[in-house]
Amino acid sequence: MADITWNTTFRNKVRLLAGISSEELDNSNIDILGNMAVDWFQAESGLTYTLGGDAAYDQSVVYYTCFLSSIVE
């Protein structure tokens, strides 16, 4: 599993795009979903993900985390 230190910007993007409040999905759960999204990204792309390393990769992980968040909610 990915070992990323998620930040407020990432979490806020996910919450805003998914329409989920912090009461519905707390930081620790968003972090778990973010790690799952990174695992998917790395498996599909063959690349190693680093938060902030590439804006397009960040967006891919944010969008997939939003998808997972909507399933959880």
C-alpha atoms as a PDB file:
ATOM      1  CA  MET A   1       0.000   0.000   0.000  1.00  0.00           C
ATOM      2  CA  ALA A   2       1.116   3.552  -0.704  1.00  0.00           C
ATOM      3  CA  ASP A   3       2.842   5.533   2.027  1.00  0.00           C
ATOM      4  CA  ILE A   4       1.959   9.134   1.174  1.00  0.00           C
ATOM      5  CA  THR A   5       1.625  11.984   3.640  1.00  0.00           C
ATOM      6  CA  TRP A   6      -1.605  13.596   2.450  1.00  0.00           C
ATOM      7  CA  ASN A   7      -2.107  17.313   2.946  1.00  0.00           C
ATOM      8  CA  THR A   8      -5.060  19.643   3.455  1.00  0.00           C
ATOM      9  CA  THR A   9      -5.051  20.730  -0.197  1.00  0.00           C
ATOM     10  CA  PHE A  10      -5.489  17.152  -1.410  1.00  0.00           C
ATOM     11  CA  ARG A  11      -8.251  16.429   1.106  1.00  0.00           C
ATOM     12  CA  ASN A  12     -10.081  19.686   0.321  1.00  0.00           C
ATOM     13  CA  LYS A  13      -9.982  18.983  -3.433  1.00  0.00           C
ATOM     14  CA  VAL A  14     -11.441  15.525  -2.868  1.00  0.00           C
ATOM     15  CA  ARG A  15     -14.179  16.832  -0.571  1.00  0.00           C
ATOM     16  CA  LEU A  16     -15.071  19.706  -2.904  1.00  0.00           C
ATOM     17  CA  LEU A  17     -15.196  17.613  -6.068  1.00  0.00           C
ATOM     18  CA  ALA A  18     -17.015  14.700  -4.424  1.00  0.00           C
ATOM     19  CA  GLY A  19     -19.392  16.952  -2.470  1.00  0.00           C
ATOM     20  CA  ILE A  20     -18.495  15.270   0.814  1.00  0.00           C
ATOM     21  CA  SER A  21     -18.116  17.058   4.144  1.00  0.00           C
ATOM     22  CA  SER A  22     -15.523  16.270   6.802  1.00  0.00           C
ATOM     23  CA  GLU A  23     -18.332  14.942   8.991  1.00  0.00           C
ATOM     24  CA  GLU A  24     -19.194  12.379   6.312  1.00  0.00           C
ATOM     25  CA  LEU A  25     -15.637  11.286   5.582  1.00  0.00           C
ATOM     26  CA  ASP A  26     -12.860  12.195   8.012  1.00  0.00           C
ATOM     27  CA  ASN A  27      -9.186  12.742   7.166  1.00  0.00           C
ATOM     28  CA  SER A  28      -8.074   9.229   8.067  1.00  0.00           C
ATOM     29  CA  ASN A  29     -10.659   7.683   5.745  1.00  0.00           C
ATOM     30  CA  ILE A  30      -9.794  10.058   2.901  1.00  0.00           C
ATOM     31  CA  ASP A  31      -6.144   9.129   3.418  1.00  0.00           C
ATOM     32  CA  ILE A  32      -7.000   5.421   3.107  1.00  0.00           C
ATOM     33  CA  LEU A  33      -8.919   6.073  -0.108  1.00  0.00           C
ATOM     34  CA  GLY A  34      -6.043   8.228  -1.395  1.00  0.00           C
ATOM     35  CA  ASN A  35      -3.636   5.357  -0.747  1.00  0.00           C
ATOM     36  CA  MET A  36      -5.949   3.004  -2.625  1.00  0.00           C
ATOM     37  CA  ALA A  37      -6.047   5.470  -5.536  1.00  0.00           C
ATOM     38  CA  VAL A  38      -2.237   5.620  -5.570  1.00  0.00           C
ATOM     39  CA  ASP A  39      -2.030   1.820  -5.602  1.00  0.00           C
ATOM     40  CA  TRP A  40      -4.354   1.819  -8.631  1.00  0.00           C
ATOM     41  CA  PHE A  41      -2.378   4.625 -10.346  1.00  0.00           C
ATOM     42  CA  GLN A  42       0.940   2.853  -9.860  1.00  0.00           C
ATOM     43  CA  ALA A  43      -0.424  -0.511 -11.014  1.00  0.00           C
ATOM     44  CA  GLU A  44      -1.993   0.990 -14.147  1.00  0.00           C
ATOM     45  CA  SER A  45       0.826   3.354 -15.102  1.00  0.00           C
ATOM     46  CA  GLY A  46       3.914   1.521 -13.885  1.00  0.00           C
ATOM     47  CA  LEU A  47       5.071   4.827 -12.377  1.00  0.00           C
ATOM     48  CA  THR A  48       5.892   5.722  -8.794  1.00  0.00           C
ATOM     49  CA  TYR A  49       3.548   8.411  -7.481  1.00  0.00           C
ATOM     50  CA  THR A  50       4.782  11.361  -5.424  1.00  0.00           C
ATOM     51  CA  LEU A  51       2.282  13.950  -4.167  1.00  0.00           C
ATOM     52  CA  GLY A  52       3.092  17.239  -5.881  1.00  0.00           C
ATOM     53  CA  GLY A  53       5.478  15.590  -8.339  1.00  0.00           C
ATOM     54  CA  ASP A  54       3.285  16.118 -11.399  1.00  0.00           C
ATOM     55  CA  ALA A  55       0.012  18.054 -11.565  1.00  0.00           C
ATOM     56  CA  ALA A  56      -1.586  15.629 -14.034  1.00  0.00           C
ATOM     57  CA  TYR A  57      -0.762  12.657 -11.806  1.00  0.00           C
ATOM     58  CA  ASP A  58      -2.105  14.522  -8.770  1.00  0.00           C
ATOM     59  CA  GLN A  59      -5.377  15.149 -10.602  1.00  0.00           C
ATOM     60  CA  SER A  60      -5.660  11.480 -11.573  1.00  0.00           C
ATOM     61  CA  VAL A  61      -5.269  10.435  -7.955  1.00  0.00           C
ATOM     62  CA  VAL A  62      -7.711  13.122  -6.751  1.00  0.00           C
ATOM     63  CA  TYR A  63     -10.365  12.049  -9.269  1.00  0.00           C
ATOM     64  CA  TYR A  64     -10.011   8.368  -8.465  1.00  0.00           C
ATOM     65  CA  THR A  65     -10.163   9.184  -4.743  1.00  0.00           C
ATOM     66  CA  CYS A  66     -13.390  11.117  -5.450  1.00  0.00           C
ATOM     67  CA  PHE A  67     -14.786   8.067  -7.216  1.00  0.00           C
ATOM     68  CA  LEU A  68     -13.923   5.836  -4.266  1.00  0.00           C
ATOM     69  CA  SER A  69     -15.350   8.427  -1.853  1.00  0.00           C
ATOM     70  CA  SER A  70     -18.661   8.447  -3.676  1.00  0.00           C
ATOM     71  CA  ILE A  71     -18.844   4.665  -3.397  1.00  0.00           C
ATOM     72  CA  VAL A  72     -18.132   4.803   0.336  1.00  0.00           C
ATOM     73  CA  GLU A  73     -20.697   7.513   0.925  1.00  0.00           C
END
